[in-house]
C-alpha atoms as a PDB file:
ATOM      1  CA  UNK A   1      88.877  98.770 129.095  1.00  0.00           C
ATOM      2  CA  UNK A   2      88.773  95.843 126.660  1.00  0.00           C
ATOM      3  CA  UNK A   3      88.990  98.110 123.610  1.00  0.00           C
ATOM      4  CA  UNK A   4      92.180  99.638 124.991  1.00  0.00           C
ATOM      5  CA  UNK A   5      93.829  96.319 124.089  1.00  0.00           C
ATOM      6  CA  UNK A   6      93.251  97.126 120.415  1.00  0.00           C
ATOM      7  CA  UNK A   7      94.685 100.635 120.553  1.00  0.00           C
ATOM      8  CA  UNK A   8      98.422  99.844 120.463  1.00  0.00           C
ATOM      9  CA  UNK A   9      98.199  96.925 117.978  1.00  0.00           C
ATOM     10  CA  UNK A  10      96.333  99.212 115.558  1.00  0.00           C
ATOM     11  CA  UNK A  11      98.897 101.979 116.099  1.00  0.00           C
ATOM     12  CA  UNK A  12     101.745  99.527 115.445  1.00  0.00           C
ATOM     13  CA  UNK A  13     100.137  98.379 112.183  1.00  0.00           C
ATOM     14  CA  UNK A  14      99.585 102.031 111.283  1.00  0.00           C
ATOM     15  CA  UNK A  15     103.324 102.705 111.767  1.00  0.00           C
ATOM     16  CA  UNK A  16     104.204  99.755 109.513  1.00  0.00           C
ATOM     17  CA  UNK A  17     101.781 101.016 106.855  1.00  0.00           C
ATOM     18  CA  UNK A  18     103.292 104.516 106.926  1.00  0.00           C
ATOM     19  CA  UNK A  19     106.900 103.297 106.922  1.00  0.00           C
ATOM     20  CA  UNK A  20     106.577 100.725 104.123  1.00  0.00           C
ATOM     21  CA  UNK A  21     104.621 101.556 100.982  1.00  0.00           C
ATOM     22  CA  UNK A  22     104.127  97.892 100.055  1.00  0.00           C
ATOM     23  CA  UNK A  23     102.765  96.912 103.480  1.00  0.00           C
ATOM     24  CA  UNK A  24      99.597  94.832 103.275  1.00  0.00           C
ATOM     25  CA  UNK A  25      97.433  93.423 106.039  1.00  0.00           C
ATOM     26  CA  UNK A  26      97.733  89.635 106.380  1.00  0.00           C
ATOM     27  CA  UNK A  27      95.841  86.992 108.312  1.00  0.00           C
ATOM     28  CA  UNK A  28      98.841  86.699 110.639  1.00  0.00           C
ATOM     29  CA  UNK A  29      98.207  90.275 111.797  1.00  0.00           C
ATOM     30  CA  UNK A  30      95.005  89.043 113.457  1.00  0.00           C
ATOM     31  CA  UNK A  31      97.254  87.551 116.142  1.00  0.00           C
ATOM     32  CA  UNK A  32      97.599  91.076 117.535  1.00  0.00           C
ATOM     33  CA  UNK A  33      93.940  90.847 118.520  1.00  0.00           C
ATOM     34  CA  UNK A  34      94.419  87.848 120.838  1.00  0.00           C
ATOM     35  CA  UNK A  35      94.772  89.951 124.048  1.00  0.00           C
ATOM     36  CA  UNK A  36      91.514  91.733 123.176  1.00  0.00           C
ATOM     37  CA  UNK A  37      89.707  88.400 122.737  1.00  0.00           C
ATOM     38  CA  UNK A  38      91.176  86.985 125.965  1.00  0.00           C
ATOM     39  CA  UNK A  39      90.083  90.036 127.964  1.00  0.00           C
ATOM     40  CA  UNK A  40      86.547  89.785 126.609  1.00  0.00           C
ATOM     41  CA  UNK A  41      86.444  86.038 127.272  1.00  0.00           C
ATOM     42  CA  UNK A  42      87.426  86.634 130.899  1.00  0.00           C
ATOM     43  CA  UNK A  43      84.875  89.432 131.184  1.00  0.00           C
ATOM     44  CA  UNK A  44      82.044  87.224 129.910  1.00  0.00           C
ATOM     45  CA  UNK A  45      82.743  84.640 132.603  1.00  0.00           C
ATOM     46  CA  UNK A  46      83.428  87.334 135.212  1.00  0.00           C
ATOM     47  CA  UNK A  47      87.005  86.129 135.712  1.00  0.00           C
ATOM     48  CA  UNK A  48      88.717  89.470 135.188  1.00  0.00           C
ATOM     49  CA  UNK A  49      89.807  91.946 137.834  1.00  0.00           C
ATOM     50  CA  UNK A  50      90.116  95.691 137.052  1.00  0.00           C
ATOM     51  CA  UNK A  51      93.533  95.876 138.714  1.00  0.00           C
ATOM     52  CA  UNK A  52      94.964  93.009 136.670  1.00  0.00           C
ATOM     53  CA  UNK A  53      93.431  94.402 133.486  1.00  0.00           C
ATOM     54  CA  UNK A  54      95.084  97.779 134.083  1.00  0.00           C
ATOM     55  CA  UNK A  55      98.437  96.112 134.676  1.00  0.00           C
ATOM     56  CA  UNK A  56      98.092  93.942 131.550  1.00  0.00           C
ATOM     57  CA  UNK A  57      97.086  96.981 129.498  1.00  0.00           C
ATOM     58  CA  UNK A  58     100.135  98.939 130.707  1.00  0.00           C
ATOM     59  CA  UNK A  59     102.472  96.025 129.921  1.00  0.00           C
ATOM     60  CA  UNK A  60     101.000  95.675 126.427  1.00  0.00           C
ATOM     61  CA  UNK A  61     101.323  99.418 125.882  1.00  0.00           C
ATOM     62  CA  UNK A  62     105.007  99.319 126.865  1.00  0.00           C
ATOM     63  CA  UNK A  63     105.696  96.309 124.620  1.00  0.00           C
ATOM     64  CA  UNK A  64     104.201  97.986 121.557  1.00  0.00           C
ATOM     65  CA  UNK A  65     106.028 101.251 122.252  1.00  0.00           C
ATOM     66  CA  UNK A  66     109.274  99.252 122.106  1.00  0.00           C
ATOM     67  CA  UNK A  67     108.142  97.564 118.857  1.00  0.00           C
ATOM     68  CA  UNK A  68     107.364 100.956 117.319  1.00  0.00           C
ATOM     69  CA  UNK A  69     110.733 102.351 118.434  1.00  0.00           C
ATOM     70  CA  UNK A  70     112.514  99.367 116.830  1.00  0.00           C
ATOM     71  CA  UNK A  71     110.496  99.809 113.612  1.00  0.00           C
ATOM     72  CA  UNK A  72     111.332 103.534 113.408  1.00  0.00           C
ATOM     73  CA  UNK A  73     115.020 102.853 114.029  1.00  0.00           C
ATOM     74  CA  UNK A  74     115.101 100.277 111.234  1.00  0.00           C
ATOM     75  CA  UNK A  75     113.134 102.609 108.954  1.00  0.00           C
ATOM     76  CA  UNK A  76     115.632 105.434 109.476  1.00  0.00           C
ATOM     77  CA  UNK A  77     118.633 103.209 108.813  1.00  0.00           C
ATOM     78  CA  UNK A  78     117.144 101.740 105.604  1.00  0.00           C
ATOM     79  CA  UNK A  79     116.173 105.244 104.502  1.00  0.00           C
ATOM     80  CA  UNK A  80     119.717 106.570 104.886  1.00  0.00           C
ATOM     81  CA  UNK A  81     121.172 103.542 103.101  1.00  0.00           C
ATOM     82  CA  UNK A  82     118.863 103.759 100.068  1.00  0.00           C
ATOM     83  CA  UNK A  83     117.312 107.232  99.720  1.00  0.00           C
ATOM     84  CA  UNK A  84     118.575 110.805  99.398  1.00  0.00           C
ATOM     85  CA  UNK A  85     115.609 113.115  99.924  1.00  0.00           C
ATOM     86  CA  UNK A  86     116.147 115.319 102.967  1.00  0.00           C
ATOM     87  CA  UNK A  87     112.431 115.886 103.538  1.00  0.00           C
ATOM     88  CA  UNK A  88     112.133 112.704 105.590  1.00  0.00           C
ATOM     89  CA  UNK A  89     108.908 113.834 107.219  1.00  0.00           C
ATOM     90  CA  UNK A  90     107.497 110.360 107.837  1.00  0.00           C
ATOM     91  CA  UNK A  91     110.194 109.507 110.362  1.00  0.00           C
ATOM     92  CA  UNK A  92     109.769 112.782 112.261  1.00  0.00           C
ATOM     93  CA  UNK A  93     105.976 112.503 112.173  1.00  0.00           C
ATOM     94  CA  UNK A  94     105.961 108.959 113.542  1.00  0.00           C
ATOM     95  CA  UNK A  95     108.544 109.891 116.155  1.00  0.00           C
ATOM     96  CA  UNK A  96     106.348 112.769 117.335  1.00  0.00           C
ATOM     97  CA  UNK A  97     103.346 110.471 117.305  1.00  0.00           C
ATOM     98  CA  UNK A  98     105.143 107.909 119.465  1.00  0.00           C
ATOM     99  CA  UNK A  99     106.055 110.607 121.997  1.00  0.00           C
ATOM    100  CA  UNK A 100     102.400 111.641 122.145  1.00  0.00           C
ATOM    101  CA  UNK A 101     101.380 108.039 122.780  1.00  0.00           C
ATOM    102  CA  UNK A 102     103.988 107.730 125.530  1.00  0.00           C
ATOM    103  CA  UNK A 103     102.636 110.850 127.251  1.00  0.00           C
ATOM    104  CA  UNK A 104      98.994 109.798 126.840  1.00  0.00           C
ATOM    105  CA  UNK A 105      99.753 106.257 128.003  1.00  0.00           C
ATOM    106  CA  UNK A 106     101.633 107.563 131.026  1.00  0.00           C
ATOM    107  CA  UNK A 107      98.669 109.755 131.962  1.00  0.00           C
ATOM    108  CA  UNK A 108      96.310 106.803 131.610  1.00  0.00           C
ATOM    109  CA  UNK A 109      98.563 104.605 133.784  1.00  0.00           C
ATOM    110  CA  UNK A 110      98.815 107.265 136.500  1.00  0.00           C
ATOM    111  CA  UNK A 111      95.035 107.679 136.343  1.00  0.00           C
ATOM    112  CA  UNK A 112      94.527 103.953 136.928  1.00  0.00           C
ATOM    113  CA  UNK A 113      96.927 104.000 139.889  1.00  0.00           C
ATOM    114  CA  UNK A 114      95.149 107.007 141.400  1.00  0.00           C
ATOM    115  CA  UNK A 115      91.782 105.243 141.020  1.00  0.00           C
ATOM    116  CA  UNK A 116      92.818 102.843 143.799  1.00  0.00           C
ATOM    117  CA  UNK A 117      93.461 105.711 146.206  1.00  0.00           C
ATOM    118  CA  UNK A 118      91.230 108.278 147.919  1.00  0.00           C
ATOM    119  CA  UNK A 119      92.342 111.175 145.696  1.00  0.00           C
ATOM    120  CA  UNK A 120      89.050 111.408 143.814  1.00  0.00           C
ATOM    121  CA  UNK A 121      89.514 114.983 142.619  1.00  0.00           C
ATOM    122  CA  UNK A 122      92.921 114.195 141.135  1.00  0.00           C
ATOM    123  CA  UNK A 123      91.462 111.099 139.478  1.00  0.00           C
ATOM    124  CA  UNK A 124      88.683 113.139 137.869  1.00  0.00           C
ATOM    125  CA  UNK A 125      91.215 115.714 136.670  1.00  0.00           C
ATOM    126  CA  UNK A 126      93.389 113.016 135.087  1.00  0.00           C
ATOM    127  CA  UNK A 127      90.335 111.411 133.508  1.00  0.00           C
ATOM    128  CA  UNK A 128      89.518 114.739 131.859  1.00  0.00           C
ATOM    129  CA  UNK A 129      93.170 115.143 130.734  1.00  0.00           C
ATOM    130  CA  UNK A 130      93.170 111.682 129.138  1.00  0.00           C
ATOM    131  CA  UNK A 131      89.905 112.429 127.331  1.00  0.00           C
ATOM    132  CA  UNK A 132      91.173 115.766 126.000  1.00  0.00           C
ATOM    133  CA  UNK A 133      94.499 114.266 124.921  1.00  0.00           C
ATOM    134  CA  UNK A 134      92.683 111.460 123.061  1.00  0.00           C
ATOM    135  CA  UNK A 135      90.531 114.006 121.223  1.00  0.00           C
ATOM    136  CA  UNK A 136      93.621 116.097 120.424  1.00  0.00           C
ATOM    137  CA  UNK A 137      95.474 113.092 118.985  1.00  0.00           C
ATOM    138  CA  UNK A 138      92.531 112.135 116.746  1.00  0.00           C
ATOM    139  CA  UNK A 139      92.207 115.732 115.518  1.00  0.00           C
ATOM    140  CA  UNK A 140      95.960 115.866 114.882  1.00  0.00           C
ATOM    141  CA  UNK A 141      95.763 112.644 112.857  1.00  0.00           C
ATOM    142  CA  UNK A 142      93.098 114.056 110.571  1.00  0.00           C
ATOM    143  CA  UNK A 143      94.701 117.490 110.077  1.00  0.00           C
ATOM    144  CA  UNK A 144      98.131 115.971 109.449  1.00  0.00           C
ATOM    145  CA  UNK A 145      96.728 113.554 106.872  1.00  0.00           C
ATOM    146  CA  UNK A 146      94.916 116.384 105.054  1.00  0.00           C
ATOM    147  CA  UNK A 147      97.821 118.851 105.081  1.00  0.00           C
ATOM    148  CA  UNK A 148     100.709 116.424 104.448  1.00  0.00           C
ATOM    149  CA  UNK A 149      99.681 113.598 102.080  1.00  0.00           C
ATOM    150  CA  UNK A 150     103.372 112.950 101.358  1.00  0.00           C
ATOM    151  CA  UNK A 151     103.587 111.325 104.796  1.00  0.00           C
ATOM    152  CA  UNK A 152     101.884 108.292 103.339  1.00  0.00           C
ATOM    153  CA  UNK A 153     104.477 107.459 100.671  1.00  0.00           C
ATOM    154  CA  UNK A 154     106.681 105.132 102.701  1.00  0.00           C
ATOM    155  CA  UNK A 155     109.710 103.135 101.541  1.00  0.00           C
ATOM    156  CA  UNK A 156     110.118  99.719  99.994  1.00  0.00           C
ATOM    157  CA  UNK A 157     109.517  97.192 102.775  1.00  0.00           C
ATOM    158  CA  UNK A 158     111.548  94.535 100.958  1.00  0.00           C
ATOM    159  CA  UNK A 159     114.787  96.516 101.253  1.00  0.00           C
ATOM    160  CA  UNK A 160     117.318  95.053 103.661  1.00  0.00           C
ATOM    161  CA  UNK A 161     119.887  96.679 105.899  1.00  0.00           C
ATOM    162  CA  UNK A 162     123.417  96.525 104.516  1.00  0.00           C
ATOM    163  CA  UNK A 163     124.477  94.499 107.564  1.00  0.00           C
ATOM    164  CA  UNK A 164     122.042  91.793 106.471  1.00  0.00           C
ATOM    165  CA  UNK A 165     123.321  91.917 102.890  1.00  0.00           C
ATOM    166  CA  UNK A 166     126.892  91.507 104.105  1.00  0.00           C
ATOM    167  CA  UNK A 167     125.969  88.464 106.192  1.00  0.00           C
ATOM    168  CA  UNK A 168     124.333  86.891 103.147  1.00  0.00           C
ATOM    169  CA  UNK A 169     127.557  87.065 101.162  1.00  0.00           C
ATOM    170  CA  UNK A 170     129.595  83.861 100.965  1.00  0.00           C
ATOM    171  CA  UNK A 171     133.061  82.656  99.994  1.00  0.00           C
ATOM    172  CA  UNK A 172     135.599  85.082  98.609  1.00  0.00           C
ATOM    173  CA  UNK A 173     133.180  87.989  98.555  1.00  0.00           C
ATOM    174  CA  UNK A 174     132.607  87.687 102.302  1.00  0.00           C
ATOM    175  CA  UNK A 175     136.338  87.669 102.996  1.00  0.00           C
ATOM    176  CA  UNK A 176     136.793  90.849 100.968  1.00  0.00           C
ATOM    177  CA  UNK A 177     134.148  92.611 103.018  1.00  0.00           C
ATOM    178  CA  UNK A 178     136.158  92.304 106.214  1.00  0.00           C
ATOM    179  CA  UNK A 179     138.501  95.108 105.185  1.00  0.00           C
ATOM    180  CA  UNK A 180     137.364  98.578 104.031  1.00  0.00           C
ATOM    181  CA  UNK A 181     137.937  99.350 100.380  1.00  0.00           C
ATOM    182  CA  UNK A 182     140.424 102.074  99.417  1.00  0.00           C
ATOM    183  CA  UNK A 183     139.726 105.074  97.201  1.00  0.00           C
ATOM    184  CA  UNK A 184     141.939 103.713  94.416  1.00  0.00           C
ATOM    185  CA  UNK A 185     139.963 100.496  93.961  1.00  0.00           C
ATOM    186  CA  UNK A 186     138.310  99.934  90.542  1.00  0.00           C
ATOM    187  CA  UNK A 187     134.838  99.779  92.105  1.00  0.00           C
ATOM    188  CA  UNK A 188     135.227 103.105  93.909  1.00  0.00           C
ATOM    189  CA  UNK A 189     136.739 104.797  90.861  1.00  0.00           C
ATOM    190  CA  UNK A 190     133.881 103.628  88.662  1.00  0.00           C
ATOM    191  CA  UNK A 191     131.230 105.017  91.014  1.00  0.00           C
ATOM    192  CA  UNK A 192     133.006 108.347  91.465  1.00  0.00           C
ATOM    193  CA  UNK A 193     133.650 108.753  87.741  1.00  0.00           C
ATOM    194  CA  UNK A 194     130.003 108.067  87.007  1.00  0.00           C
ATOM    195  CA  UNK A 195     128.899 110.598  89.627  1.00  0.00           C
ATOM    196  CA  UNK A 196     131.156 113.302  88.184  1.00  0.00           C
ATOM    197  CA  UNK A 197     130.370 112.571  84.541  1.00  0.00           C
ATOM    198  CA  UNK A 198     126.608 111.885  84.650  1.00  0.00           C
ATOM    199  CA  UNK A 199     125.667 113.898  87.789  1.00  0.00           C
ATOM    200  CA  UNK A 200     122.750 111.614  88.806  1.00  0.00           C
ATOM    201  CA  UNK A 201     122.594 113.435  92.156  1.00  0.00           C
ATOM    202  CA  UNK A 202     120.729 116.293  90.430  1.00  0.00           C
ATOM    203  CA  UNK A 203     117.629 114.093  90.539  1.00  0.00           C
ATOM    204  CA  UNK A 204     115.958 114.928  93.911  1.00  0.00           C
ATOM    205  CA  UNK A 205     114.209 111.550  94.037  1.00  0.00           C
ATOM    206  CA  UNK A 206     117.359 109.503  93.355  1.00  0.00           C
ATOM    207  CA  UNK A 207     117.498 106.166  95.181  1.00  0.00           C
ATOM    208  CA  UNK A 208     120.201 103.558  95.414  1.00  0.00           C
ATOM    209  CA  UNK A 209     118.112 101.230  93.257  1.00  0.00           C
ATOM    210  CA  UNK A 210     117.742 103.911  90.564  1.00  0.00           C
ATOM    211  CA  UNK A 211     121.484 104.598  90.557  1.00  0.00           C
ATOM    212  CA  UNK A 212     122.238 100.869  90.368  1.00  0.00           C
ATOM    213  CA  UNK A 213     119.940 100.522  87.342  1.00  0.00           C
ATOM    214  CA  UNK A 214     121.622 103.480  85.639  1.00  0.00           C
ATOM    215  CA  UNK A 215     125.076 101.994  86.239  1.00  0.00           C
ATOM    216  CA  UNK A 216     123.833  98.512  85.308  1.00  0.00           C
ATOM    217  CA  UNK A 217     125.075  96.889  88.510  1.00  0.00           C
ATOM    218  CA  UNK A 218     123.132  94.823  91.089  1.00  0.00           C
ATOM    219  CA  UNK A 219     121.638  97.097  93.743  1.00  0.00           C
ATOM    220  CA  UNK A 220     122.869  94.801  96.535  1.00  0.00           C
ATOM    221  CA  UNK A 221     126.478  95.136  95.342  1.00  0.00           C
ATOM    222  CA  UNK A 222     126.192  98.912  95.083  1.00  0.00           C
ATOM    223  CA  UNK A 223     124.636  99.094  98.547  1.00  0.00           C
ATOM    224  CA  UNK A 224     127.499  97.089 100.058  1.00  0.00           C
ATOM    225  CA  UNK A 225     130.070  99.177  98.187  1.00  0.00           C
ATOM    226  CA  UNK A 226     128.747 102.568  99.346  1.00  0.00           C
ATOM    227  CA  UNK A 227     127.146 101.804 102.708  1.00  0.00           C
ATOM    228  CA  UNK A 228     129.740  99.287 103.889  1.00  0.00           C
ATOM    229  CA  UNK A 229     133.025  99.364 101.979  1.00  0.00           C
ATOM    230  CA  UNK A 230     133.181 103.135 101.507  1.00  0.00           C
ATOM    231  CA  UNK A 231     132.066 103.696 105.092  1.00  0.00           C
ATOM    232  CA  UNK A 232     129.221 106.161 104.497  1.00  0.00           C
ATOM    233  CA  UNK A 233     125.484 106.066 104.015  1.00  0.00           C
ATOM    234  CA  UNK A 234     124.120 106.455 100.487  1.00  0.00           C
ATOM    235  CA  UNK A 235     122.185 109.447 101.859  1.00  0.00           C
ATOM    236  CA  UNK A 236     125.409 111.236 102.867  1.00  0.00           C
ATOM    237  CA  UNK A 237     127.335 110.051  99.801  1.00  0.00           C
ATOM    238  CA  UNK A 238     124.880 111.625  97.342  1.00  0.00           C
ATOM    239  CA  UNK A 239     124.236 114.803  99.280  1.00  0.00           C
ATOM    240  CA  UNK A 240     127.977 115.474  99.500  1.00  0.00           C
ATOM    241  CA  UNK A 241     127.993 115.842  95.704  1.00  0.00           C
ATOM    242  CA  UNK A 242     124.943 118.112  95.893  1.00  0.00           C
ATOM    243  CA  UNK A 243     126.582 120.370  98.458  1.00  0.00           C
ATOM    244  CA  UNK A 244     129.798 120.554  96.419  1.00  0.00           C
ATOM    245  CA  UNK A 245     127.771 121.518  93.340  1.00  0.00           C
ATOM    246  CA  UNK A 246     125.904 124.167  95.329  1.00  0.00           C
ATOM    247  CA  UNK A 247     129.189 125.562  96.692  1.00  0.00           C
ATOM    248  CA  UNK A 248     130.530 126.008  93.148  1.00  0.00           C
ATOM    249  CA  UNK A 249     127.411 127.931  92.131  1.00  0.00           C
ATOM    250  CA  UNK A 250     127.591 130.114  95.235  1.00  0.00           C
ATOM    251  CA  UNK A 251     131.251 130.938  94.496  1.00  0.00           C
ATOM    252  CA  UNK A 252     130.525 131.837  90.871  1.00  0.00           C
ATOM    253  CA  UNK A 253     130.234 135.610  90.506  1.00  0.00           C
ATOM    254  CA  UNK A 254     128.289 135.168  87.255  1.00  0.00           C
ATOM    255  CA  UNK A 255     125.552 133.292  89.172  1.00  0.00           C
ATOM    256  CA  UNK A 256     124.811 136.059  91.683  1.00  0.00           C
ATOM    257  CA  UNK A 257     121.310 136.509  90.311  1.00  0.00           C
ATOM    258  CA  UNK A 258     120.437 132.961  91.307  1.00  0.00           C
ATOM    259  CA  UNK A 259     118.736 132.828  94.689  1.00  0.00           C
ATOM    260  CA  UNK A 260     119.666 130.209  97.283  1.00  0.00           C
ATOM    261  CA  UNK A 261     116.287 128.583  96.671  1.00  0.00           C
ATOM    262  CA  UNK A 262     116.958 128.288  92.948  1.00  0.00           C
ATOM    263  CA  UNK A 263     120.405 126.828  93.609  1.00  0.00           C
ATOM    264  CA  UNK A 264     119.209 124.181  96.054  1.00  0.00           C
ATOM    265  CA  UNK A 265     116.618 122.970  93.549  1.00  0.00           C
ATOM    266  CA  UNK A 266     119.220 122.914  90.773  1.00  0.00           C
ATOM    267  CA  UNK A 267     121.569 120.636  92.728  1.00  0.00           C
ATOM    268  CA  UNK A 268     118.910 118.118  93.794  1.00  0.00           C
ATOM    269  CA  UNK A 269     117.615 119.304  97.168  1.00  0.00           C
ATOM    270  CA  UNK A 270     113.904 119.877  97.690  1.00  0.00           C
ATOM    271  CA  UNK A 271     113.786 121.660 101.055  1.00  0.00           C
ATOM    272  CA  UNK A 272     115.405 124.951 102.041  1.00  0.00           C
ATOM    273  CA  UNK A 273     115.678 124.089 105.733  1.00  0.00           C
ATOM    274  CA  UNK A 274     117.298 120.707 105.070  1.00  0.00           C
ATOM    275  CA  UNK A 275     119.663 122.270 102.518  1.00  0.00           C
ATOM    276  CA  UNK A 276     120.757 124.978 104.959  1.00  0.00           C
ATOM    277  CA  UNK A 277     121.343 122.396 107.701  1.00  0.00           C
ATOM    278  CA  UNK A 278     123.324 120.038 105.453  1.00  0.00           C
ATOM    279  CA  UNK A 279     125.325 122.872 103.917  1.00  0.00           C
ATOM    280  CA  UNK A 280     126.299 124.330 107.301  1.00  0.00           C
ATOM    281  CA  UNK A 281     127.263 120.903 108.644  1.00  0.00           C
ATOM    282  CA  UNK A 282     129.528 120.395 105.635  1.00  0.00           C
ATOM    283  CA  UNK A 283     131.093 123.871 105.280  1.00  0.00           C
ATOM    284  CA  UNK A 284     130.545 125.537 108.651  1.00  0.00           C
ATOM    285  CA  UNK A 285     128.591 128.380 107.008  1.00  0.00           C
ATOM    286  CA  UNK A 286     125.049 128.978 105.856  1.00  0.00           C
ATOM    287  CA  UNK A 287     124.718 129.244 102.036  1.00  0.00           C
ATOM    288  CA  UNK A 288     124.259 133.024 102.283  1.00  0.00           C
ATOM    289  CA  UNK A 289     127.338 133.448 104.488  1.00  0.00           C
ATOM    290  CA  UNK A 290     129.367 131.167 102.208  1.00  0.00           C
ATOM    291  CA  UNK A 291     128.443 133.227  99.138  1.00  0.00           C
ATOM    292  CA  UNK A 292     129.256 136.556 100.818  1.00  0.00           C
ATOM    293  CA  UNK A 293     132.630 135.318 102.096  1.00  0.00           C
ATOM    294  CA  UNK A 294     133.807 134.021  98.720  1.00  0.00           C
ATOM    295  CA  UNK A 295     132.484 136.908  96.637  1.00  0.00           C
ATOM    296  CA  UNK A 296     134.033 139.487  98.996  1.00  0.00           C
ATOM    297  CA  UNK A 297     137.425 137.735  98.708  1.00  0.00           C
ATOM    298  CA  UNK A 298     137.237 137.912  94.929  1.00  0.00           C
ATOM    299  CA  UNK A 299     136.304 141.593  94.997  1.00  0.00           C
ATOM    300  CA  UNK A 300     139.323 142.400  97.161  1.00  0.00           C
END
């Protein structure tokens, strides 16, 4: 029972480590172990009651689930504001993992409630279910880590949400941020001209920081320009150019020998499923359907 008070703190730290590549354990993280120490202190002096311990464990479990959900939400938003890779497996993996913990935690809570009743057979069945689910989760951890090492890349933990960057602005800059920028502004024109001329979107690992360095502008200013003033995430901004480039190749009758897979790699995507999804959301057709429609029109 006392070790259950370490389970969710460790999971929360695990989520932080997966989300942010520069995450490091600090002495302050030891504070997460206080409930575990308190429970053991009470147990030594025989001051603890099983019912209260179960309730405290459930409350701690719920609190950390909320912390994990907040962390994943922030991770996704920072990702879309600074990165362009569609194979965002870390977010999906951690989301699935959180769901598993919710289910397992719910089973454990129901088991504890049943333990105070006379339904012994149901209690034993739930105890077996909790044990099997725990073994399944551990096995899943190991297999996932072995088969998908890219899950452990993470993003830069020092990156800030664009909302935070906007709040940090002062004076005349802050007043300008209150109104959206128009497409004819010098800043917007410069970004769009650079995108069309240099085609940086062809790099599948392009980030906002990389683009800012190439354009020789502060990354914070570029983030505010694209994510705030232009009203779209960097993720969507870059992939729009990739989809447009792919559409041109699919329309070109001289490029019929190129497969869809070859085209998606050429324009900066690195996953067929994510390319198909993004392309259909943008055009209303799958890449194959889009190619057939345009080539048949030309033939007629």
